Amino acid sequence: MIPEEAKRLFVTKFSSFGNEKFYKFLLNYAVNRLISNEELKKTQEPAPPGLSPEAELIDYHDRFLILYRREHEIVYLEIAKLFRKAAHKIYRIMLKKDMIKRDSRFLNLVE
């Protein structure tokens, strides 16, 4: 379940930003996490514990989808969609840069 503070934060940001800006906010957040993780690898410091950015975004998607099913608030569904969209975008970027291996939780092109 999502902590109440995080839920309020994302809902208020979504309400004030709108769909496109909130999506860009999520992409910006994930890219910044990628950059900071890459910088830590260069300095040979251990990576901070936690999920990778694409896994974190897909986790939030699942949590907001559960929240939508429980409370039937359309805003939770819209937020979940944007989290999933951002997770897939970051996944494709990381896959293209050979930073991760294919994952069955994400969409993969069939060639």
PDB file of N, CA and C in Angstrom:
ATOM      1  N   MET A   1       0.842  -1.184   0.000  1.00  0.00           N
ATOM      2  CA  MET A   1       0.000   0.000   0.000  1.00  0.00           C
ATOM      3  C   MET A   1       0.886   1.246   0.000  1.00  0.00           C
ATOM      4  N   ILE A   2       0.381   2.302  -0.552  1.00  0.00           N
ATOM      5  CA  ILE A   2       1.115   3.562  -0.652  1.00  0.00           C
ATOM      6  C   ILE A   2       0.985   4.325   0.663  1.00  0.00           C
ATOM      7  N   PRO A   3       2.102   4.842   1.170  1.00  0.00           N
ATOM      8  CA  PRO A   3       1.993   5.695   2.363  1.00  0.00           C
ATOM      9  C   PRO A   3       1.117   6.914   2.062  1.00  0.00           C
ATOM     10  N   GLU A   4       0.382   7.339   3.052  1.00  0.00           N
ATOM     11  CA  GLU A   4      -0.556   8.451   2.874  1.00  0.00           C
ATOM     12  C   GLU A   4       0.141   9.715   2.372  1.00  0.00           C
ATOM     13  N   GLU A   5       1.343   9.960   2.874  1.00  0.00           N
ATOM     14  CA  GLU A   5       2.086  11.155   2.475  1.00  0.00           C
ATOM     15  C   GLU A   5       2.447  11.113   0.993  1.00  0.00           C
ATOM     16  N   ALA A   6       2.918   9.967   0.514  1.00  0.00           N
ATOM     17  CA  ALA A   6       3.277   9.830  -0.904  1.00  0.00           C
ATOM     18  C   ALA A   6       2.034   9.939  -1.781  1.00  0.00           C
ATOM     19  N   LYS A   7       0.944   9.343  -1.342  1.00  0.00           N
ATOM     20  CA  LYS A   7      -0.302   9.410  -2.107  1.00  0.00           C
ATOM     21  C   LYS A   7      -0.748  10.856  -2.259  1.00  0.00           C
ATOM     22  N   ARG A   8      -0.737  11.595  -1.156  1.00  0.00           N
ATOM     23  CA  ARG A   8      -1.138  13.006  -1.208  1.00  0.00           C
ATOM     24  C   ARG A   8      -0.217  13.812  -2.109  1.00  0.00           C
ATOM     25  N   LEU A   9       1.093  13.538  -2.020  1.00  0.00           N
ATOM     26  CA  LEU A   9       2.069  14.257  -2.835  1.00  0.00           C
ATOM     27  C   LEU A   9       1.792  14.046  -4.322  1.00  0.00           C
ATOM     28  N   PHE A  10       1.620  12.800  -4.746  1.00  0.00           N
ATOM     29  CA  PHE A  10       1.402  12.520  -6.159  1.00  0.00           C
ATOM     30  C   PHE A  10       0.057  13.056  -6.643  1.00  0.00           C
ATOM     31  N   VAL A  11      -0.965  12.953  -5.821  1.00  0.00           N
ATOM     32  CA  VAL A  11      -2.277  13.451  -6.232  1.00  0.00           C
ATOM     33  C   VAL A  11      -2.253  14.969  -6.374  1.00  0.00           C
ATOM     34  N   THR A  12      -1.621  15.671  -5.444  1.00  0.00           N
ATOM     35  CA  THR A  12      -1.566  17.132  -5.553  1.00  0.00           C
ATOM     36  C   THR A  12      -0.712  17.572  -6.738  1.00  0.00           C
ATOM     37  N   LYS A  13       0.400  16.888  -6.974  1.00  0.00           N
ATOM     38  CA  LYS A  13       1.229  17.219  -8.137  1.00  0.00           C
ATOM     39  C   LYS A  13       0.467  16.965  -9.435  1.00  0.00           C
ATOM     40  N   PHE A  14      -0.232  15.845  -9.504  1.00  0.00           N
ATOM     41  CA  PHE A  14      -1.017  15.527 -10.689  1.00  0.00           C
ATOM     42  C   PHE A  14      -2.104  16.570 -10.899  1.00  0.00           C
ATOM     43  N   SER A  15      -2.777  16.961  -9.821  1.00  0.00           N
ATOM     44  CA  SER A  15      -3.856  17.943  -9.934  1.00  0.00           C
ATOM     45  C   SER A  15      -3.339  19.300 -10.374  1.00  0.00           C
ATOM     46  N   SER A  16      -2.176  19.690  -9.868  1.00  0.00           N
ATOM     47  CA  SER A  16      -1.653  21.008 -10.218  1.00  0.00           C
ATOM     48  C   SER A  16      -0.930  21.018 -11.564  1.00  0.00           C
ATOM     49  N   PHE A  17      -0.259  19.925 -11.933  1.00  0.00           N
ATOM     50  CA  PHE A  17       0.506  19.873 -13.179  1.00  0.00           C
ATOM     51  C   PHE A  17      -0.359  19.521 -14.386  1.00  0.00           C
ATOM     52  N   GLY A  18      -1.240  18.579 -14.243  1.00  0.00           N
ATOM     53  CA  GLY A  18      -1.962  18.036 -15.392  1.00  0.00           C
ATOM     54  C   GLY A  18      -1.232  16.805 -15.922  1.00  0.00           C
ATOM     55  N   ASN A  19      -1.801  16.151 -16.922  1.00  0.00           N
ATOM     56  CA  ASN A  19      -1.262  14.896 -17.435  1.00  0.00           C
ATOM     57  C   ASN A  19       0.155  15.024 -17.986  1.00  0.00           C
ATOM     58  N   GLU A  20       0.351  15.908 -18.936  1.00  0.00           N
ATOM     59  CA  GLU A  20       1.647  15.993 -19.627  1.00  0.00           C
ATOM     60  C   GLU A  20       2.783  16.416 -18.705  1.00  0.00           C
ATOM     61  N   LYS A  21       2.548  17.430 -17.890  1.00  0.00           N
ATOM     62  CA  LYS A  21       3.610  17.890 -16.988  1.00  0.00           C
ATOM     63  C   LYS A  21       3.926  16.854 -15.914  1.00  0.00           C
ATOM     64  N   PHE A  22       2.908  16.139 -15.447  1.00  0.00           N
ATOM     65  CA  PHE A  22       3.148  15.103 -14.445  1.00  0.00           C
ATOM     66  C   PHE A  22       3.963  13.972 -15.053  1.00  0.00           C
ATOM     67  N   TYR A  23       3.665  13.604 -16.296  1.00  0.00           N
ATOM     68  CA  TYR A  23       4.424  12.576 -17.007  1.00  0.00           C
ATOM     69  C   TYR A  23       5.878  13.013 -17.167  1.00  0.00           C
ATOM     70  N   LYS A  24       6.091  14.258 -17.543  1.00  0.00           N
ATOM     71  CA  LYS A  24       7.459  14.775 -17.681  1.00  0.00           C
ATOM     72  C   LYS A  24       8.166  14.820 -16.331  1.00  0.00           C
ATOM     73  N   PHE A  25       7.421  15.129 -15.272  1.00  0.00           N
ATOM     74  CA  PHE A  25       7.982  15.106 -13.920  1.00  0.00           C
ATOM     75  C   PHE A  25       8.471  13.712 -13.566  1.00  0.00           C
ATOM     76  N   LEU A  26       7.664  12.686 -13.887  1.00  0.00           N
ATOM     77  CA  LEU A  26       8.060  11.304 -13.601  1.00  0.00           C
ATOM     78  C   LEU A  26       9.292  10.903 -14.407  1.00  0.00           C
ATOM     79  N   LEU A  27       9.337  11.282 -15.672  1.00  0.00           N
ATOM     80  CA  LEU A  27      10.505  10.975 -16.500  1.00  0.00           C
ATOM     81  C   LEU A  27      11.744  11.668 -15.957  1.00  0.00           C
ATOM     82  N   ASN A  28      11.581  12.917 -15.567  1.00  0.00           N
ATOM     83  CA  ASN A  28      12.698  13.675 -15.008  1.00  0.00           C
ATOM     84  C   ASN A  28      13.229  13.014 -13.739  1.00  0.00           C
ATOM     85  N   TYR A  29      12.328  12.600 -12.877  1.00  0.00           N
ATOM     86  CA  TYR A  29      12.698  11.929 -11.638  1.00  0.00           C
ATOM     87  C   TYR A  29      13.493  10.656 -11.931  1.00  0.00           C
ATOM     88  N   ALA A  30      12.987   9.841 -12.862  1.00  0.00           N
ATOM     89  CA  ALA A  30      13.640   8.571 -13.177  1.00  0.00           C
ATOM     90  C   ALA A  30      15.005   8.781 -13.835  1.00  0.00           C
ATOM     91  N   VAL A  31      15.097   9.744 -14.727  1.00  0.00           N
ATOM     92  CA  VAL A  31      16.384  10.026 -15.384  1.00  0.00           C
ATOM     93  C   VAL A  31      17.397  10.523 -14.357  1.00  0.00           C
ATOM     94  N   ASN A  32      16.968  11.360 -13.435  1.00  0.00           N
ATOM     95  CA  ASN A  32      17.876  11.826 -12.381  1.00  0.00           C
ATOM     96  C   ASN A  32      18.364  10.668 -11.518  1.00  0.00           C
ATOM     97  N   ARG A  33      17.485   9.717 -11.239  1.00  0.00           N
ATOM     98  CA  ARG A  33      17.896   8.520 -10.488  1.00  0.00           C
ATOM     99  C   ARG A  33      18.918   7.715 -11.275  1.00  0.00           C
ATOM    100  N   LEU A  34      18.723   7.595 -12.583  1.00  0.00           N
ATOM    101  CA  LEU A  34      19.668   6.868 -13.432  1.00  0.00           C
ATOM    102  C   LEU A  34      21.039   7.536 -13.418  1.00  0.00           C
ATOM    103  N   ILE A  35      21.031   8.842 -13.551  1.00  0.00           N
ATOM    104  CA  ILE A  35      22.294   9.589 -13.571  1.00  0.00           C
ATOM    105  C   ILE A  35      23.020   9.453 -12.247  1.00  0.00           C
ATOM    106  N   SER A  36      22.305   9.587 -11.146  1.00  0.00           N
ATOM    107  CA  SER A  36      22.962   9.478  -9.837  1.00  0.00           C
ATOM    108  C   SER A  36      23.492   8.069  -9.609  1.00  0.00           C
ATOM    109  N   ASN A  37      22.759   7.043 -10.077  1.00  0.00           N
ATOM    110  CA  ASN A  37      23.246   5.668  -9.941  1.00  0.00           C
ATOM    111  C   ASN A  37      24.497   5.443 -10.781  1.00  0.00           C
ATOM    112  N   GLU A  38      24.538   6.025 -11.978  1.00  0.00           N
ATOM    113  CA  GLU A  38      25.711   5.882 -12.845  1.00  0.00           C
ATOM    114  C   GLU A  38      26.924   6.600 -12.244  1.00  0.00           C
ATOM    115  N   GLU A  39      26.696   7.750 -11.633  1.00  0.00           N
ATOM    116  CA  GLU A  39      27.797   8.477 -10.997  1.00  0.00           C
ATOM    117  C   GLU A  39      28.356   7.689  -9.813  1.00  0.00           C
ATOM    118  N   LEU A  40      27.478   7.019  -9.073  1.00  0.00           N
ATOM    119  CA  LEU A  40      27.940   6.200  -7.949  1.00  0.00           C
ATOM    120  C   LEU A  40      28.769   5.016  -8.442  1.00  0.00           C
ATOM    121  N   LYS A  41      28.392   4.457  -9.585  1.00  0.00           N
ATOM    122  CA  LYS A  41      29.163   3.344 -10.136  1.00  0.00           C
ATOM    123  C   LYS A  41      30.563   3.784 -10.541  1.00  0.00           C
ATOM    124  N   LYS A  42      30.678   5.002 -11.056  1.00  0.00           N
ATOM    125  CA  LYS A  42      31.984   5.522 -11.479  1.00  0.00           C
ATOM    126  C   LYS A  42      32.907   5.746 -10.281  1.00  0.00           C
ATOM    127  N   THR A  43      32.342   6.113  -9.141  1.00  0.00           N
ATOM    128  CA  THR A  43      33.158   6.367  -7.954  1.00  0.00           C
ATOM    129  C   THR A  43      33.365   5.115  -7.123  1.00  0.00           C
ATOM    130  N   GLN A  44      32.870   3.987  -7.605  1.00  0.00           N
ATOM    131  CA  GLN A  44      33.026   2.684  -6.946  1.00  0.00           C
ATOM    132  C   GLN A  44      32.322   2.614  -5.591  1.00  0.00           C
ATOM    133  N   GLU A  45      31.367   3.495  -5.366  1.00  0.00           N
ATOM    134  CA  GLU A  45      30.585   3.426  -4.134  1.00  0.00           C
ATOM    135  C   GLU A  45      29.425   2.454  -4.350  1.00  0.00           C
ATOM    136  N   PRO A  46      28.993   1.779  -3.305  1.00  0.00           N
ATOM    137  CA  PRO A  46      27.850   0.875  -3.476  1.00  0.00           C
ATOM    138  C   PRO A  46      26.587   1.662  -3.784  1.00  0.00           C
ATOM    139  N   ALA A  47      25.756   1.092  -4.623  1.00  0.00           N
ATOM    140  CA  ALA A  47      24.497   1.751  -4.987  1.00  0.00           C
ATOM    141  C   ALA A  47      23.567   1.775  -3.772  1.00  0.00           C
ATOM    142  N   PRO A  48      22.781   2.826  -3.666  1.00  0.00           N
ATOM    143  CA  PRO A  48      21.844   2.879  -2.534  1.00  0.00           C
ATOM    144  C   PRO A  48      20.809   1.774  -2.666  1.00  0.00           C
ATOM    145  N   PRO A  49      20.355   1.271  -1.529  1.00  0.00           N
ATOM    146  CA  PRO A  49      19.356   0.198  -1.597  1.00  0.00           C
ATOM    147  C   PRO A  49      18.056   0.722  -2.186  1.00  0.00           C
ATOM    148  N   GLY A  50      17.342  -0.136  -2.840  1.00  0.00           N
ATOM    149  CA  GLY A  50      16.071   0.256  -3.430  1.00  0.00           C
ATOM    150  C   GLY A  50      15.934  -0.283  -4.834  1.00  0.00           C
ATOM    151  N   LEU A  51      14.818   0.020  -5.420  1.00  0.00           N
ATOM    152  CA  LEU A  51      14.525  -0.458  -6.751  1.00  0.00           C
ATOM    153  C   LEU A  51      15.164   0.432  -7.806  1.00  0.00           C
ATOM    154  N   SER A  52      15.362  -0.128  -8.979  1.00  0.00           N
ATOM    155  CA  SER A  52      15.815   0.690 -10.099  1.00  0.00           C
ATOM    156  C   SER A  52      14.651   1.586 -10.514  1.00  0.00           C
ATOM    157  N   PRO A  53      14.919   2.662 -11.238  1.00  0.00           N
ATOM    158  CA  PRO A  53      13.851   3.628 -11.541  1.00  0.00           C
ATOM    159  C   PRO A  53      12.642   3.027 -12.263  1.00  0.00           C
ATOM    160  N   GLU A  54      12.884   2.174 -13.249  1.00  0.00           N
ATOM    161  CA  GLU A  54      11.748   1.609 -13.990  1.00  0.00           C
ATOM    162  C   GLU A  54      10.942   0.661 -13.114  1.00  0.00           C
ATOM    163  N   ALA A  55      11.600  -0.074 -12.244  1.00  0.00           N
ATOM    164  CA  ALA A  55      10.896  -0.981 -11.339  1.00  0.00           C
ATOM    165  C   ALA A  55      10.110  -0.202 -10.278  1.00  0.00           C
ATOM    166  N   GLU A  56      10.672   0.898  -9.839  1.00  0.00           N
ATOM    167  CA  GLU A  56       9.978   1.738  -8.861  1.00  0.00           C
ATOM    168  C   GLU A  56       8.706   2.337  -9.469  1.00  0.00           C
ATOM    169  N   LEU A  57       8.808   2.807 -10.713  1.00  0.00           N
ATOM    170  CA  LEU A  57       7.645   3.385 -11.375  1.00  0.00           C
ATOM    171  C   LEU A  57       6.550   2.339 -11.614  1.00  0.00           C
ATOM    172  N   ILE A  58       6.946   1.143 -12.026  1.00  0.00           N
ATOM    173  CA  ILE A  58       5.949   0.093 -12.269  1.00  0.00           C
ATOM    174  C   ILE A  58       5.314  -0.359 -10.946  1.00  0.00           C
ATOM    175  N   ASP A  59       6.096  -0.300  -9.862  1.00  0.00           N
ATOM    176  CA  ASP A  59       5.564  -0.627  -8.536  1.00  0.00           C
ATOM    177  C   ASP A  59       4.507   0.397  -8.121  1.00  0.00           C
ATOM    178  N   TYR A  60       4.797   1.679  -8.364  1.00  0.00           N
ATOM    179  CA  TYR A  60       3.802   2.711  -8.056  1.00  0.00           C
ATOM    180  C   TYR A  60       2.563   2.556  -8.931  1.00  0.00           C
ATOM    181  N   HIS A  61       2.743   2.132 -10.174  1.00  0.00           N
ATOM    182  CA  HIS A  61       1.590   1.865 -11.039  1.00  0.00           C
ATOM    183  C   HIS A  61       0.684   0.816 -10.400  1.00  0.00           C
ATOM    184  N   ASP A  62       1.290  -0.283  -9.962  1.00  0.00           N
ATOM    185  CA  ASP A  62       0.507  -1.352  -9.338  1.00  0.00           C
ATOM    186  C   ASP A  62      -0.213  -0.861  -8.087  1.00  0.00           C
ATOM    187  N   ARG A  63       0.473  -0.067  -7.297  1.00  0.00           N
ATOM    188  CA  ARG A  63      -0.125   0.422  -6.049  1.00  0.00           C
ATOM    189  C   ARG A  63      -1.284   1.378  -6.302  1.00  0.00           C
ATOM    190  N   PHE A  64      -1.122   2.279  -7.284  1.00  0.00           N
ATOM    191  CA  PHE A  64      -2.216   3.205  -7.585  1.00  0.00           C
ATOM    192  C   PHE A  64      -3.386   2.488  -8.247  1.00  0.00           C
ATOM    193  N   LEU A  65      -3.114   1.437  -8.997  1.00  0.00           N
ATOM    194  CA  LEU A  65      -4.193   0.659  -9.594  1.00  0.00           C
ATOM    195  C   LEU A  65      -5.004  -0.054  -8.511  1.00  0.00           C
ATOM    196  N   ILE A  66      -4.319  -0.593  -7.517  1.00  0.00           N
ATOM    197  CA  ILE A  66      -5.013  -1.216  -6.381  1.00  0.00           C
ATOM    198  C   ILE A  66      -5.846  -0.182  -5.642  1.00  0.00           C
ATOM    199  N   LEU A  67      -5.269   1.000  -5.449  1.00  0.00           N
ATOM    200  CA  LEU A  67      -5.978   2.083  -4.772  1.00  0.00           C
ATOM    201  C   LEU A  67      -7.231   2.482  -5.554  1.00  0.00           C
ATOM    202  N   TYR A  68      -7.121   2.535  -6.876  1.00  0.00           N
ATOM    203  CA  TYR A  68      -8.279   2.860  -7.712  1.00  0.00           C
ATOM    204  C   TYR A  68      -9.370   1.802  -7.558  1.00  0.00           C
ATOM    205  N   ARG A  69      -8.978   0.548  -7.540  1.00  0.00           N
ATOM    206  CA  ARG A  69      -9.963  -0.535  -7.421  1.00  0.00           C
ATOM    207  C   ARG A  69     -10.662  -0.514  -6.072  1.00  0.00           C
ATOM    208  N   ARG A  70      -9.980  -0.045  -5.054  1.00  0.00           N
ATOM    209  CA  ARG A  70     -10.585  -0.001  -3.723  1.00  0.00           C
ATOM    210  C   ARG A  70     -11.484   1.216  -3.533  1.00  0.00           C
ATOM    211  N   GLU A  71     -11.014   2.373  -4.021  1.00  0.00           N
ATOM    212  CA  GLU A  71     -11.718   3.618  -3.724  1.00  0.00           C
ATOM    213  C   GLU A  71     -12.495   4.186  -4.908  1.00  0.00           C
ATOM    214  N   HIS A  72     -12.314   3.646  -6.099  1.00  0.00           N
ATOM    215  CA  HIS A  72     -13.027   4.064  -7.310  1.00  0.00           C
ATOM    216  C   HIS A  72     -12.890   5.558  -7.599  1.00  0.00           C
ATOM    217  N   GLU A  73     -11.707   6.100  -7.352  1.00  0.00           N
ATOM    218  CA  GLU A  73     -11.407   7.492  -7.689  1.00  0.00           C
ATOM    219  C   GLU A  73     -10.667   7.483  -9.023  1.00  0.00           C
ATOM    220  N   ILE A  74     -11.215   8.176 -10.007  1.00  0.00           N
ATOM    221  CA  ILE A  74     -10.652   8.157 -11.355  1.00  0.00           C
ATOM    222  C   ILE A  74      -9.241   8.760 -11.392  1.00  0.00           C
ATOM    223  N   VAL A  75      -8.943   9.652 -10.467  1.00  0.00           N
ATOM    224  CA  VAL A  75      -7.621  10.280 -10.446  1.00  0.00           C
ATOM    225  C   VAL A  75      -6.526   9.236 -10.198  1.00  0.00           C
ATOM    226  N   TYR A  76      -6.817   8.225  -9.400  1.00  0.00           N
ATOM    227  CA  TYR A  76      -5.836   7.172  -9.138  1.00  0.00           C
ATOM    228  C   TYR A  76      -5.559   6.350 -10.392  1.00  0.00           C
ATOM    229  N   LEU A  77      -6.581   6.131 -11.192  1.00  0.00           N
ATOM    230  CA  LEU A  77      -6.401   5.398 -12.450  1.00  0.00           C
ATOM    231  C   LEU A  77      -5.547   6.205 -13.419  1.00  0.00           C
ATOM    232  N   GLU A  78      -5.802   7.506 -13.505  1.00  0.00           N
ATOM    233  CA  GLU A  78      -5.022   8.358 -14.404  1.00  0.00           C
ATOM    234  C   GLU A  78      -3.555   8.410 -13.975  1.00  0.00           C
ATOM    235  N   ILE A  79      -3.320   8.495 -12.677  1.00  0.00           N
ATOM    236  CA  ILE A  79      -1.944   8.507 -12.164  1.00  0.00           C
ATOM    237  C   ILE A  79      -1.269   7.177 -12.451  1.00  0.00           C
ATOM    238  N   ALA A  80      -1.985   6.077 -12.263  1.00  0.00           N
ATOM    239  CA  ALA A  80      -1.428   4.748 -12.532  1.00  0.00           C
ATOM    240  C   ALA A  80      -1.026   4.615 -13.996  1.00  0.00           C
ATOM    241  N   LYS A  81      -1.862   5.120 -14.902  1.00  0.00           N
ATOM    242  CA  LYS A  81      -1.543   5.068 -16.330  1.00  0.00           C
ATOM    243  C   LYS A  81      -0.250   5.813 -16.632  1.00  0.00           C
ATOM    244  N   LEU A  82      -0.090   6.986 -16.029  1.00  0.00           N
ATOM    245  CA  LEU A  82       1.112   7.782 -16.286  1.00  0.00           C
ATOM    246  C   LEU A  82       2.360   7.126 -15.692  1.00  0.00           C
ATOM    247  N   PHE A  83       2.222   6.499 -14.533  1.00  0.00           N
ATOM    248  CA  PHE A  83       3.360   5.776 -13.958  1.00  0.00           C
ATOM    249  C   PHE A  83       3.790   4.639 -14.883  1.00  0.00           C
ATOM    250  N   ARG A  84       2.816   3.914 -15.429  1.00  0.00           N
ATOM    251  CA  ARG A  84       3.141   2.801 -16.328  1.00  0.00           C
ATOM    252  C   ARG A  84       3.784   3.297 -17.615  1.00  0.00           C
ATOM    253  N   LYS A  85       3.251   4.380 -18.156  1.00  0.00           N
ATOM    254  CA  LYS A  85       3.796   4.959 -19.384  1.00  0.00           C
ATOM    255  C   LYS A  85       5.248   5.405 -19.167  1.00  0.00           C
ATOM    256  N   ALA A  86       5.502   6.055 -18.046  1.00  0.00           N
ATOM    257  CA  ALA A  86       6.860   6.511 -17.737  1.00  0.00           C
ATOM    258  C   ALA A  86       7.789   5.324 -17.482  1.00  0.00           C
ATOM    259  N   ALA A  87       7.289   4.289 -16.820  1.00  0.00           N
ATOM    260  CA  ALA A  87       8.106   3.105 -16.542  1.00  0.00           C
ATOM    261  C   ALA A  87       8.538   2.439 -17.839  1.00  0.00           C
ATOM    262  N   HIS A  88       7.617   2.326 -18.790  1.00  0.00           N
ATOM    263  CA  HIS A  88       7.959   1.707 -20.072  1.00  0.00           C
ATOM    264  C   HIS A  88       8.949   2.559 -20.855  1.00  0.00           C
ATOM    265  N   LYS A  89       8.819   3.851 -20.788  1.00  0.00           N
ATOM    266  CA  LYS A  89       9.748   4.753 -21.488  1.00  0.00           C
ATOM    267  C   LYS A  89      11.154   4.604 -20.915  1.00  0.00           C
ATOM    268  N   ILE A  90      11.270   4.622 -19.598  1.00  0.00           N
ATOM    269  CA  ILE A  90      12.580   4.474 -18.945  1.00  0.00           C
ATOM    270  C   ILE A  90      13.151   3.088 -19.224  1.00  0.00           C
ATOM    271  N   TYR A  91      12.302   2.076 -19.215  1.00  0.00           N
ATOM    272  CA  TYR A  91      12.746   0.709 -19.509  1.00  0.00           C
ATOM    273  C   TYR A  91      13.341   0.632 -20.915  1.00  0.00           C
ATOM    274  N   ARG A  92      12.653   1.236 -21.890  1.00  0.00           N
ATOM    275  CA  ARG A  92      13.160   1.200 -23.266  1.00  0.00           C
ATOM    276  C   ARG A  92      14.480   1.935 -23.387  1.00  0.00           C
ATOM    277  N   ILE A  93      14.624   3.043 -22.677  1.00  0.00           N
ATOM    278  CA  ILE A  93      15.891   3.791 -22.700  1.00  0.00           C
ATOM    279  C   ILE A  93      17.009   2.942 -22.105  1.00  0.00           C
ATOM    280  N   MET A  94      16.733   2.332 -20.960  1.00  0.00           N
ATOM    281  CA  MET A  94      17.759   1.519 -20.298  1.00  0.00           C
ATOM    282  C   MET A  94      18.106   0.284 -21.132  1.00  0.00           C
ATOM    283  N   LEU A  95      17.133  -0.282 -21.806  1.00  0.00           N
ATOM    284  CA  LEU A  95      17.364  -1.448 -22.660  1.00  0.00           C
ATOM    285  C   LEU A  95      18.224  -1.069 -23.857  1.00  0.00           C
ATOM    286  N   LYS A  96      17.950   0.087 -24.426  1.00  0.00           N
ATOM    287  CA  LYS A  96      18.714   0.563 -25.580  1.00  0.00           C
ATOM    288  C   LYS A  96      20.178   0.828 -25.201  1.00  0.00           C
ATOM    289  N   LYS A  97      20.404   1.288 -23.981  1.00  0.00           N
ATOM    290  CA  LYS A  97      21.762   1.596 -23.502  1.00  0.00           C
ATOM    291  C   LYS A  97      22.444   0.374 -22.882  1.00  0.00           C
ATOM    292  N   ASP A  98      21.798  -0.782 -22.951  1.00  0.00           N
ATOM    293  CA  ASP A  98      22.320  -2.027 -22.372  1.00  0.00           C
ATOM    294  C   ASP A  98      22.618  -1.914 -20.881  1.00  0.00           C
ATOM    295  N   MET A  99      21.732  -1.230 -20.168  1.00  0.00           N
ATOM    296  CA  MET A  99      21.891  -1.078 -18.731  1.00  0.00           C
ATOM    297  C   MET A  99      21.186  -2.192 -17.968  1.00  0.00           C
ATOM    298  N   ILE A 100      20.200  -2.831 -18.617  1.00  0.00           N
ATOM    299  CA  ILE A 100      19.436  -3.901 -17.990  1.00  0.00           C
ATOM    300  C   ILE A 100      19.150  -4.979 -19.027  1.00  0.00           C
ATOM    301  N   LYS A 101      18.648  -6.098 -18.546  1.00  0.00           N
ATOM    302  CA  LYS A 101      18.227  -7.179 -19.434  1.00  0.00           C
ATOM    303  C   LYS A 101      16.716  -7.115 -19.594  1.00  0.00           C
ATOM    304  N   ARG A 102      16.214  -7.830 -20.567  1.00  0.00           N
ATOM    305  CA  ARG A 102      14.765  -7.851 -20.814  1.00  0.00           C
ATOM    306  C   ARG A 102      14.016  -8.353 -19.583  1.00  0.00           C
ATOM    307  N   ASP A 103      12.865  -7.743 -19.359  1.00  0.00           N
ATOM    308  CA  ASP A 103      12.030  -8.077 -18.212  1.00  0.00           C
ATOM    309  C   ASP A 103      10.616  -8.362 -18.712  1.00  0.00           C
ATOM    310  N   SER A 104      10.004  -9.407 -18.230  1.00  0.00           N
ATOM    311  CA  SER A 104       8.679  -9.800 -18.711  1.00  0.00           C
ATOM    312  C   SER A 104       7.570  -8.862 -18.229  1.00  0.00           C
ATOM    313  N   ARG A 105       7.857  -8.013 -17.249  1.00  0.00           N
ATOM    314  CA  ARG A 105       6.835  -7.081 -16.760  1.00  0.00           C
ATOM    315  C   ARG A 105       6.614  -5.915 -17.720  1.00  0.00           C
ATOM    316  N   PHE A 106       7.528  -5.739 -18.667  1.00  0.00           N
ATOM    317  CA  PHE A 106       7.468  -4.599 -19.570  1.00  0.00           C
ATOM    318  C   PHE A 106       7.200  -5.054 -20.990  1.00  0.00           C
ATOM    319  N   LEU A 107       6.724  -4.122 -21.795  1.00  0.00           N
ATOM    320  CA  LEU A 107       6.471  -4.411 -23.201  1.00  0.00           C
ATOM    321  C   LEU A 107       7.780  -4.540 -23.948  1.00  0.00           C
ATOM    322  N   ASN A 108       7.878  -5.581 -24.763  1.00  0.00           N
ATOM    323  CA  ASN A 108       9.052  -5.785 -25.608  1.00  0.00           C
ATOM    324  C   ASN A 108       8.578  -5.939 -27.035  1.00  0.00           C
ATOM    325  N   LEU A 109       9.311  -5.347 -27.954  1.00  0.00           N
ATOM    326  CA  LEU A 109       8.976  -5.472 -29.355  1.00  0.00           C
ATOM    327  C   LEU A 109       9.298  -6.855 -29.850  1.00  0.00           C
ATOM    328  N   VAL A 110       8.417  -7.399 -30.665  1.00  0.00           N
ATOM    329  CA  VAL A 110       8.653  -8.704 -31.263  1.00  0.00           C
ATOM    330  C   VAL A 110       9.231  -8.463 -32.647  1.00  0.00           C
ATOM    331  N   GLU A 111      10.390  -9.033 -32.896  1.00  0.00           N
ATOM    332  CA  GLU A 111      11.034  -8.837 -34.194  1.00  0.00           C
ATOM    333  C   GLU A 111      11.050 -10.116 -34.968  1.00  0.00           C
TER     334      GLU A 111
END
